[in-house]
Protein backbone atom coordinates (compact mmCIF):
# COMPACT_ATOMS: atom_id res chain seq x y z
CA MET A 1 16.44 -16.67 -18.93
CA SER A 2 16.15 -19.85 -21.07
CA SER A 3 18.14 -22.87 -20.71
CA PRO A 4 20.14 -24.57 -23.24
CA LEU A 5 17.95 -28.11 -22.54
CA ALA A 6 14.99 -26.60 -23.91
CA ALA A 7 16.44 -24.37 -27.04
CA PRO A 8 15.70 -26.22 -30.21
CA ALA A 9 18.19 -26.16 -33.12
CA PRO A 10 17.79 -22.82 -34.69
CA GLY A 11 16.64 -25.17 -38.50
CA LEU A 12 13.92 -27.12 -36.15
CA ALA A 13 12.35 -23.99 -34.94
CA PRO A 14 9.72 -23.90 -37.42
CA THR A 15 8.82 -27.00 -37.54
CA ARG A 16 9.17 -27.60 -33.94
CA ALA A 17 6.23 -24.68 -33.97
CA TRP A 18 4.27 -25.83 -36.54
CA MET A 19 4.02 -29.46 -34.62
CA ARG A 20 2.75 -27.73 -31.29
CA GLY A 21 0.03 -25.93 -33.54
CA HIS A 22 -0.86 -28.51 -35.42
CA ARG A 23 -1.25 -31.41 -33.33
CA THR A 24 -4.17 -33.67 -34.66
CA ALA A 25 -2.56 -33.58 -38.03
CA THR A 26 1.10 -34.19 -36.60
CA ASP A 27 -0.55 -37.27 -35.23
CA ALA A 28 -2.16 -38.22 -38.04
CA VAL A 29 1.47 -38.24 -39.98
CA LEU A 30 2.87 -40.36 -37.58
CA ALA A 31 -0.07 -42.82 -37.70
CA PHE A 32 0.63 -43.00 -41.33
CA GLY A 33 4.37 -43.31 -41.01
CA VAL A 34 3.84 -46.53 -38.23
CA LEU A 35 1.47 -48.03 -40.88
CA VAL A 36 3.77 -47.81 -43.63
CA ALA A 37 6.60 -49.24 -41.69
CA MET A 38 3.69 -52.03 -40.50
CA VAL A 39 3.30 -52.56 -44.00
CA LEU A 40 7.03 -53.31 -44.59
CA GLY A 41 7.66 -55.29 -41.87
CA SER A 42 4.90 -58.24 -42.46
CA PHE A 43 6.86 -58.52 -46.05
CA VAL A 44 9.74 -59.08 -44.52
CA GLN A 45 10.67 -62.70 -43.56
CA PRO A 46 12.29 -63.20 -39.70
CA PRO A 47 16.09 -64.78 -40.36
CA GLY A 48 16.22 -68.24 -39.46
CA ILE A 49 19.71 -70.16 -37.51
CA HIS A 50 21.31 -70.21 -40.97
CA GLU A 51 19.88 -67.97 -43.43
CA ALA A 52 19.29 -64.20 -43.47
CA ALA A 53 15.79 -62.20 -43.34
CA THR A 54 14.40 -61.91 -46.93
CA PHE A 55 12.11 -59.78 -48.29
CA GLY A 56 8.95 -60.58 -50.35
CA THR A 57 8.82 -63.93 -49.68
CA ARG A 58 5.81 -63.33 -47.54
CA THR A 59 2.81 -61.41 -47.62
CA PRO A 60 0.30 -60.67 -44.64
CA ASP A 61 -3.54 -61.53 -45.08
CA LEU A 62 -6.52 -59.68 -45.14
CA PRO A 63 -7.11 -59.83 -41.21
CA SER A 64 -3.62 -58.33 -40.50
CA VAL A 65 -3.96 -55.86 -42.88
CA VAL A 66 -7.57 -54.63 -41.25
CA LEU A 67 -5.55 -54.56 -37.69
CA MET A 68 -2.82 -52.57 -38.77
CA LEU A 69 -5.06 -50.12 -40.15
CA VAL A 70 -7.12 -50.12 -37.03
CA GLY A 71 -3.69 -49.88 -34.89
CA ALA A 72 -2.40 -47.03 -36.80
CA ALA A 73 -5.85 -44.95 -36.69
CA ALA A 74 -6.05 -45.54 -33.06
CA LEU A 75 -2.96 -43.21 -33.18
CA VAL A 76 -4.32 -40.13 -34.17
CA LEU A 77 -6.00 -39.74 -31.14
CA ARG A 78 -3.28 -40.83 -28.88
CA ARG A 79 -2.63 -37.30 -27.11
CA ARG A 80 -6.66 -36.80 -26.40
CA ARG A 81 -6.98 -40.38 -25.02
CA PRO A 82 -3.67 -42.12 -24.22
CA MET A 83 -4.83 -44.85 -22.21
CA ALA A 84 -7.69 -46.01 -24.50
CA VAL A 85 -5.57 -45.72 -27.48
CA LEU A 86 -3.18 -47.69 -25.56
CA ALA A 87 -5.90 -50.25 -24.64
CA ALA A 88 -6.64 -50.41 -28.42
CA THR A 89 -3.84 -50.85 -29.56
CA GLY A 90 -2.86 -53.54 -27.21
CA ALA A 91 -6.55 -55.40 -28.29
CA VAL A 92 -5.18 -55.54 -32.13
CA SER A 93 -1.58 -56.69 -31.64
CA LEU A 94 -2.64 -59.89 -28.94
CA VAL A 95 -5.61 -60.58 -31.98
CA GLU A 96 -2.44 -60.41 -34.15
CA LEU A 97 -0.85 -62.62 -31.76
CA PHE A 98 -3.46 -65.26 -31.62
CA THR A 99 -4.79 -65.25 -35.06
CA GLY A 100 -1.83 -63.89 -37.37
CA GLU A 101 -0.06 -66.71 -40.08
CA PRO A 102 1.99 -65.48 -40.84
CA ARG A 103 2.32 -62.32 -38.36
CA ALA A 104 2.50 -58.71 -39.23
CA PRO A 105 4.27 -56.51 -36.70
CA VAL A 106 0.67 -54.40 -35.67
CA ALA A 107 2.33 -54.33 -31.83
CA MET A 108 4.37 -51.58 -33.57
CA SER A 109 1.31 -49.41 -32.62
CA ALA A 110 1.21 -50.83 -29.34
CA VAL A 111 4.74 -49.92 -28.71
CA VAL A 112 4.29 -46.25 -29.87
CA ALA A 113 0.67 -46.13 -27.65
CA LEU A 114 2.85 -47.02 -24.25
CA TYR A 115 5.34 -44.39 -24.96
CA THR A 116 2.53 -41.85 -25.27
CA VAL A 117 1.17 -42.51 -21.95
CA ALA A 118 4.56 -42.72 -20.97
CA ALA A 119 5.40 -39.38 -21.57
CA ARG A 120 1.61 -38.34 -20.41
CA THR A 121 1.79 -39.72 -17.38
CA ASP A 122 3.20 -39.58 -14.05
CA ARG A 123 6.33 -42.27 -13.20
CA PRO A 124 3.90 -44.43 -11.43
CA THR A 125 1.20 -44.83 -13.84
CA THR A 126 4.12 -45.61 -16.08
CA TRP A 127 5.09 -48.50 -14.91
CA ARG A 128 2.91 -50.32 -14.13
CA VAL A 129 1.22 -49.78 -17.44
CA GLY A 130 4.26 -50.36 -18.56
CA LEU A 131 4.97 -53.56 -16.92
CA VAL A 132 1.16 -54.97 -18.05
CA THR A 133 1.50 -54.28 -21.59
CA MET A 134 4.97 -55.99 -21.47
CA THR A 135 3.78 -59.03 -19.53
CA CYS A 136 0.31 -59.34 -21.51
CA LEU A 137 2.38 -58.99 -24.88
CA THR A 138 5.27 -60.85 -24.63
CA ALA A 139 3.66 -64.22 -22.68
CA VAL A 140 0.64 -64.62 -25.50
CA ALA A 141 3.51 -64.42 -27.92
CA MET A 142 5.53 -67.38 -26.24
CA LEU A 143 2.56 -69.14 -25.46
CA VAL A 144 0.15 -69.19 -28.45
CA GLY A 145 2.27 -67.62 -31.01
CA PRO A 146 3.33 -69.39 -34.14
CA LEU A 147 6.88 -68.91 -33.09
CA PRO A 148 8.69 -70.90 -31.08
CA TRP A 149 8.76 -69.27 -27.04
CA TYR A 150 12.39 -68.66 -27.46
CA ALA A 151 12.44 -67.09 -30.92
CA GLN A 152 13.78 -63.37 -30.97
CA GLU A 153 10.27 -61.81 -32.04
CA ASN A 154 9.43 -62.53 -28.74
CA LEU A 155 12.42 -60.97 -27.16
CA GLY A 156 12.36 -58.20 -29.17
CA LEU A 157 8.55 -57.53 -28.53
CA PHE A 158 9.16 -57.38 -24.89
CA ALA A 159 12.64 -54.84 -25.68
CA TRP A 160 10.57 -52.58 -27.68
CA THR A 161 8.05 -52.39 -25.34
CA GLY A 162 10.35 -51.97 -22.67
CA MET A 163 12.17 -49.67 -24.02
CA ALA A 164 8.87 -47.39 -25.36
CA ALA A 165 8.18 -47.59 -21.36
CA ALA A 166 11.43 -45.94 -20.64
CA ALA A 167 11.74 -43.20 -23.04
CA GLY A 168 8.45 -42.00 -22.79
CA ASP A 169 9.31 -41.35 -18.85
CA ALA A 170 12.45 -40.11 -20.21
CA VAL A 171 10.95 -37.59 -21.98
CA ARG A 172 8.39 -36.63 -19.40
CA SER A 173 11.41 -35.77 -16.81
CA ARG A 174 13.06 -34.11 -19.38
CA ARG A 175 10.31 -31.16 -20.21
CA ALA A 176 9.64 -31.22 -16.39
CA PHE A 177 12.79 -30.21 -15.70
CA VAL A 178 12.75 -27.95 -18.38
CA ASP A 179 9.61 -26.73 -16.81
CA ALA A 180 11.09 -26.19 -13.71
CA ILE A 181 13.73 -24.16 -14.80
CA ARG A 182 11.62 -22.17 -17.07
CA GLU A 183 9.17 -21.37 -13.74
CA ARG A 184 12.28 -20.34 -11.48
CA ALA A 185 13.78 -18.06 -14.53
CA GLU A 186 10.63 -16.27 -14.53
CA ARG A 187 10.16 -16.10 -10.79
CA ALA A 188 14.16 -15.19 -10.25
CA GLU A 189 12.87 -12.37 -12.80
CA ARG A 190 10.02 -11.54 -10.92
CA THR A 191 11.63 -11.35 -7.85
CA ARG A 192 14.45 -8.96 -9.56
CA GLU A 193 11.39 -6.55 -10.71
CA GLU A 194 9.94 -6.10 -7.02
CA GLU A 195 13.53 -5.67 -5.31
CA ALA A 196 14.02 -2.69 -8.08
CA ARG A 197 10.44 -1.50 -7.27
CA ARG A 198 10.88 -1.36 -3.75
CA ARG A 199 14.43 0.24 -4.15
CA VAL A 200 12.82 3.04 -6.02
CA ALA A 201 10.01 3.10 -3.39
CA GLU A 202 12.77 3.85 -0.87
CA GLU A 203 15.03 6.02 -2.63
CA ARG A 204 11.75 7.81 -2.95
CA LEU A 205 10.70 8.25 0.25
CA ARG A 206 14.52 9.42 1.08
CA ILE A 207 13.98 12.00 -1.29
CA ALA A 208 11.25 13.42 0.33
CA ARG A 209 12.46 13.38 3.49
CA ASP A 210 15.61 15.18 2.48
CA LEU A 211 13.38 17.91 0.63
CA HIS A 212 11.26 18.25 4.21
CA ASP A 213 13.96 18.81 6.11
CA VAL A 214 15.77 21.05 3.55
CA VAL A 215 12.93 23.16 3.06
CA ALA A 216 11.02 23.00 6.89
CA HIS A 217 14.40 24.41 7.80
CA HIS A 218 15.71 26.85 5.17
CA ILE A 219 12.32 28.56 4.70
CA ALA A 220 11.09 28.83 8.49
CA LEU A 221 14.48 31.01 8.78
CA VAL A 222 13.21 33.14 5.53
CA ASN A 223 10.35 33.63 7.44
CA VAL A 224 11.43 34.61 10.54
CA GLN A 225 14.30 37.54 9.20
CA ALA A 226 11.63 38.21 6.62
CA GLY A 227 9.69 39.45 9.89
CA VAL A 228 12.34 40.82 11.34
CA ALA A 229 13.07 42.80 8.24
CA ALA A 230 9.51 44.17 7.43
CA HIS A 231 9.38 45.50 11.42
CA VAL A 232 12.26 47.29 11.67
CA MET A 233 12.64 48.49 8.23
CA ASP A 234 11.41 52.17 8.82
CA LYS A 235 12.84 52.93 12.46
CA ARG A 236 16.17 50.67 12.06
CA PRO A 237 16.98 50.27 8.33
CA ASP A 238 20.76 48.46 9.33
CA GLN A 239 19.32 46.30 11.24
CA ALA A 240 16.78 45.06 8.36
CA LYS A 241 19.35 45.07 6.03
CA GLU A 242 20.93 42.47 8.37
CA ALA A 243 17.97 40.42 8.34
CA LEU A 244 17.49 40.73 4.86
CA ALA A 245 20.98 39.27 4.21
CA HIS A 246 20.10 36.37 6.05
CA VAL A 247 17.62 35.65 4.36
CA ARG A 248 19.73 35.79 0.90
CA GLU A 249 22.09 33.62 2.81
CA ALA A 250 19.20 31.13 3.95
CA SER A 251 17.88 31.09 0.32
CA ARG A 252 20.73 30.17 -1.24
CA SER A 253 21.80 27.39 1.27
CA ALA A 254 18.51 26.08 0.50
CA LEU A 255 19.55 26.05 -3.47
CA ASN A 256 22.45 24.53 -2.78
CA GLU A 257 21.26 21.69 -1.12
CA LEU A 258 17.63 21.29 -3.17
CA ARG A 259 19.67 21.08 -6.07
CA ALA A 260 22.07 18.50 -4.21
CA THR A 261 19.09 16.09 -3.79
CA VAL A 262 17.88 16.58 -7.22
CA GLY A 263 20.83 15.76 -8.47
CA LEU A 264 20.37 12.74 -7.37
CA LEU A 265 17.66 11.79 -10.17
CA ARG A 266 19.28 12.34 -12.93
CA GLN A 267 19.83 9.97 -15.24
CA SER A 268 23.41 8.14 -16.33
CA GLY A 269 23.26 10.57 -19.39
CA ASP A 270 22.31 13.32 -18.37
CA PRO A 271 25.04 15.88 -18.20
CA ALA A 272 27.00 16.21 -14.65
CA ALA A 273 26.48 19.01 -12.31
CA PRO A 274 28.76 20.62 -9.60
CA THR A 275 26.76 19.11 -6.25
CA GLU A 276 28.03 19.83 -2.88
CA PRO A 277 28.53 16.58 -0.40
CA ALA A 278 25.35 15.97 2.02
CA PRO A 279 25.60 17.70 4.48
CA GLY A 280 27.03 15.89 8.14
CA LEU A 281 27.34 16.90 11.51
CA ALA A 282 30.91 18.52 10.06
CA VAL A 283 29.19 21.63 8.95
CA LEU A 284 26.79 21.73 12.38
CA ASP A 285 28.40 25.00 13.16
CA GLU A 286 26.87 26.90 10.64
CA LEU A 287 23.89 24.97 11.26
CA VAL A 288 23.73 26.17 14.51
CA ASP A 289 24.50 29.91 13.04
CA THR A 290 21.62 30.22 11.02
CA PHE A 291 19.16 29.53 14.58
CA ARG A 292 21.10 31.94 16.19
CA HIS A 293 21.53 34.93 13.51
CA ALA A 294 17.00 34.18 14.00
CA GLY A 295 17.51 34.96 17.37
CA LEU A 296 17.48 31.28 19.00
CA PRO A 297 20.41 30.77 21.30
CA VAL A 298 21.74 26.96 21.09
CA VAL A 299 24.59 25.71 23.43
CA VAL A 300 26.47 22.51 21.60
CA ALA A 301 28.25 19.58 23.28
CA ARG A 302 29.28 17.17 20.83
CA ASP A 303 31.58 14.69 20.56
CA GLU A 304 34.65 15.53 17.99
CA GLN A 305 34.55 12.00 16.26
CA ALA A 306 33.63 10.46 12.78
CA LEU A 307 30.32 8.89 11.76
CA PRO A 308 29.03 6.82 8.90
CA ALA A 309 27.69 8.47 6.41
CA ALA A 310 24.12 7.43 6.65
CA VAL A 311 24.70 8.01 10.42
CA ASP A 312 26.10 11.52 10.02
CA LEU A 313 23.68 12.71 7.90
CA ALA A 314 20.35 11.41 10.17
CA ALA A 315 21.93 13.07 12.48
CA TYR A 316 22.09 16.46 10.92
CA ARG A 317 18.74 15.96 9.77
CA VAL A 318 17.04 14.94 13.20
CA ILE A 319 18.78 18.25 14.72
CA GLN A 320 17.77 20.45 11.99
CA GLU A 321 13.81 19.35 12.17
CA ALA A 322 14.16 19.32 16.00
CA LEU A 323 15.53 23.20 16.09
CA THR A 324 13.55 24.32 13.58
CA ASN A 325 10.31 23.24 15.18
CA VAL A 326 11.99 25.14 18.17
CA ARG A 327 12.17 28.30 16.07
CA LYS A 328 8.91 27.82 15.02
CA HIS A 329 6.57 26.84 18.12
CA ALA A 330 8.94 27.77 21.29
CA GLY A 331 7.90 31.19 22.87
CA THR A 332 9.93 34.43 22.84
CA GLY A 333 13.37 34.14 24.45
CA ALA A 334 14.03 30.51 24.36
CA ARG A 335 16.96 28.71 24.73
CA ALA A 336 17.62 25.22 23.10
CA GLU A 337 20.31 22.88 24.03
CA VAL A 338 21.94 20.19 21.55
CA SER A 339 23.92 17.06 22.39
CA VAL A 340 25.52 14.69 20.31
CA VAL A 341 27.17 12.04 22.52
CA ARG A 342 28.99 8.48 22.11
CA VAL A 343 27.45 5.43 24.17
CA GLY A 344 28.49 2.22 23.55
CA ARG A 345 28.13 1.13 20.28
CA THR A 346 25.73 4.05 19.56
CA VAL A 347 25.19 7.50 19.32
CA GLU A 348 22.62 9.78 20.92
CA ILE A 349 21.25 13.28 19.51
CA THR A 350 19.19 14.75 22.10
CA VAL A 351 18.14 18.35 21.41
CA LEU A 352 16.32 20.35 24.60
CA ASP A 353 14.55 23.57 24.54
CA ASP A 354 13.11 25.87 27.66
CA GLY A 355 9.93 26.65 25.71
CA GLY A 356 10.65 29.97 26.15
CA ASP A 357 8.00 32.88 27.30
CA PRO A 358 4.87 30.98 27.33
CA ALA A 359 3.27 34.57 28.02
CA ASP A 360 4.71 36.27 24.98
CA PRO A 361 4.29 34.12 21.49
CA ALA A 362 6.95 34.67 19.05
CA PRO A 363 6.24 36.36 15.90
CA GLU A 364 6.38 33.66 13.23
CA GLY A 365 4.05 31.42 14.78
CA PRO A 366 2.18 30.10 17.91
CA GLY A 367 4.38 30.23 20.99
CA GLY A 368 3.90 29.67 25.10
CA ALA A 369 1.92 27.01 25.59
CA ALA A 370 -0.24 27.48 22.16
CA GLY A 371 2.71 26.67 20.25
CA ARG A 372 3.57 23.56 22.60
CA ASP A 373 -0.04 22.60 21.89
CA ALA A 374 0.49 22.55 18.20
CA ARG A 375 3.78 20.91 18.03
CA THR A 376 1.99 18.17 19.55
CA VAL A 377 -0.86 18.45 17.06
CA ASP A 378 1.66 18.47 14.19
CA GLU A 379 3.19 15.25 15.66
CA ALA A 380 -0.23 13.47 15.97
CA ALA A 381 -1.79 14.38 13.11
CA GLY A 382 2.04 13.07 10.93
CA ALA A 383 1.10 9.70 13.26
CA ALA A 384 -2.16 9.62 11.62
CA ALA A 385 -1.23 10.98 8.10
CA ALA A 386 2.18 8.76 7.65
CA PRO A 387 0.04 6.24 5.52
CA ASP A 388 -0.43 9.17 3.04
CA GLY A 389 2.35 10.40 2.86
CA GLY A 390 1.81 13.01 5.29
CA GLY A 391 5.54 13.95 5.51
CA HIS A 392 5.60 16.03 8.81
CA GLY A 393 8.96 16.72 10.24
CA LEU A 394 8.30 14.29 13.56
CA LEU A 395 7.15 11.51 11.86
CA GLY A 396 10.24 12.48 9.20
CA MET A 397 12.71 11.92 12.44
CA ARG A 398 11.21 8.80 13.16
CA GLU A 399 11.98 7.38 9.68
CA ARG A 400 15.10 7.93 9.55
CA ALA A 401 16.18 6.44 12.87
CA THR A 402 13.77 3.52 12.08
CA ALA A 403 15.69 3.41 8.70
CA LEU A 404 19.20 3.01 10.34
CA GLY A 405 17.90 0.24 13.30
CA GLY A 406 17.62 3.27 15.84
CA THR A 407 15.00 5.07 17.54
CA CYS A 408 13.90 8.96 18.06
CA THR A 409 11.34 10.01 20.47
CA ALA A 410 9.55 13.47 20.93
CA GLY A 411 7.51 14.90 23.60
CA PRO A 412 7.21 17.48 26.80
CA ARG A 413 10.02 18.03 29.11
CA PHE A 414 8.55 18.69 33.00
CA GLY A 415 8.23 21.36 34.10
CA GLY A 416 7.93 23.20 29.93
CA GLY A 417 9.82 23.05 27.16
CA TYR A 418 10.47 19.95 24.76
CA ARG A 419 12.44 17.52 24.38
CA VAL A 420 13.73 15.47 20.93
CA HIS A 421 16.05 12.10 21.56
CA ALA A 422 17.44 9.52 18.83
CA VAL A 423 19.58 6.48 19.36
CA LEU A 424 21.18 5.80 16.26
CA PRO A 425 23.29 2.41 16.13
CA VAL A 426 26.81 2.87 15.22
CA ASP A 427 29.11 -0.26 13.85
CA GLY A 428 33.13 -0.13 13.79
CA ALA A 429 32.86 3.77 15.15
CA PRO A 430 35.65 4.67 17.17
CA ALA A 431 35.27 5.21 20.94
CA PRO A 432 34.56 8.63 22.44
CA THR A 433 37.82 11.07 22.83
CA GLY A 434 36.48 13.67 24.44
CA VAL A 435 33.28 16.26 24.56
CA ALA A 436 33.62 19.44 22.93
CA ALA A 437 30.94 22.34 24.73
CA HIS A 438 30.50 25.56 22.71
């Protein structure tokens, strides 16, 4: 972002660029211009009371010419040593005021040097140095100069030195203002870039959690049904066909959800593809049916009411991950209970299981006490691997709840089994109308 104050006229841009790249040459040109002005001014006879100013009626003497050359030459170094140049030009101006007859306008070089000091230092220094310069030059001109103290040349000297200090201070203030605007614009640009990178990182994390939930759930079901089909293929082919049908259905659901999730990564110019809406508690019955077909009895009790989209998706994913863990780690004959209840301004999701038969492990993984230990180990490993992007299910549930300002806890139950409990804040949702159990 650029400020109109900082943008030069288009025709002057090349000249300004050359001047910034050749500062010494620019100052030399300025010094030559000041010398020409001083020489021409030395030939002008100031106007009297009843007569106008005339040119060529007087000529500068040799000492005045030398002083003008010294004052102009000092201006070449005005950017490098502004204070020293002001002291030198002020000194030659005082000498000319003491000795010059007729006087040459050597004080022009002091005026330019004072402007440079004001433009390159701070305001307190500008006014201190400017006051000293104006006082010295004007006092000497009035007290020891060849003209009467009330002559307009003396008043003009006071006015020109004062205007030089004021103009230099104004230029310095404008430069500081433009620099501040430029700095704010650059800082705002950096802030926008950092915010964009942060949002990209958050979106990647959200998509990673969705992919983990989808893949972990459906692949676990495919694994279970494929194991059942392989086990009964020879003796009970009809049951094997049913298990393979469930495998096909779970695979199709996994592909559809993956397509919907990955579709979020499409660019704006990519061709649109049909996608399904994000899952929520409206399809909780379908999710529970997949676990029931896999041999896990599930009882559901929930409030029949709508939730905000983000809360609805988080609740669905928490239940999906919790039931997947029950199916993977609980023993044979395990049963699960799911409840979704509004409590004040929050919704509480609870998934319980009884641990099944600890003496008979599940076909597809560790069961009973061993499975429960494995789940506890998984939880600890997930917490430890979080900084490296571990992507474990229990950690993902906590991240989903934390992103919404809620909490999620998981741990063994007293007497056996496991409990997952999530509390998600709900703002503006309607009061509960009843609980449906099925």
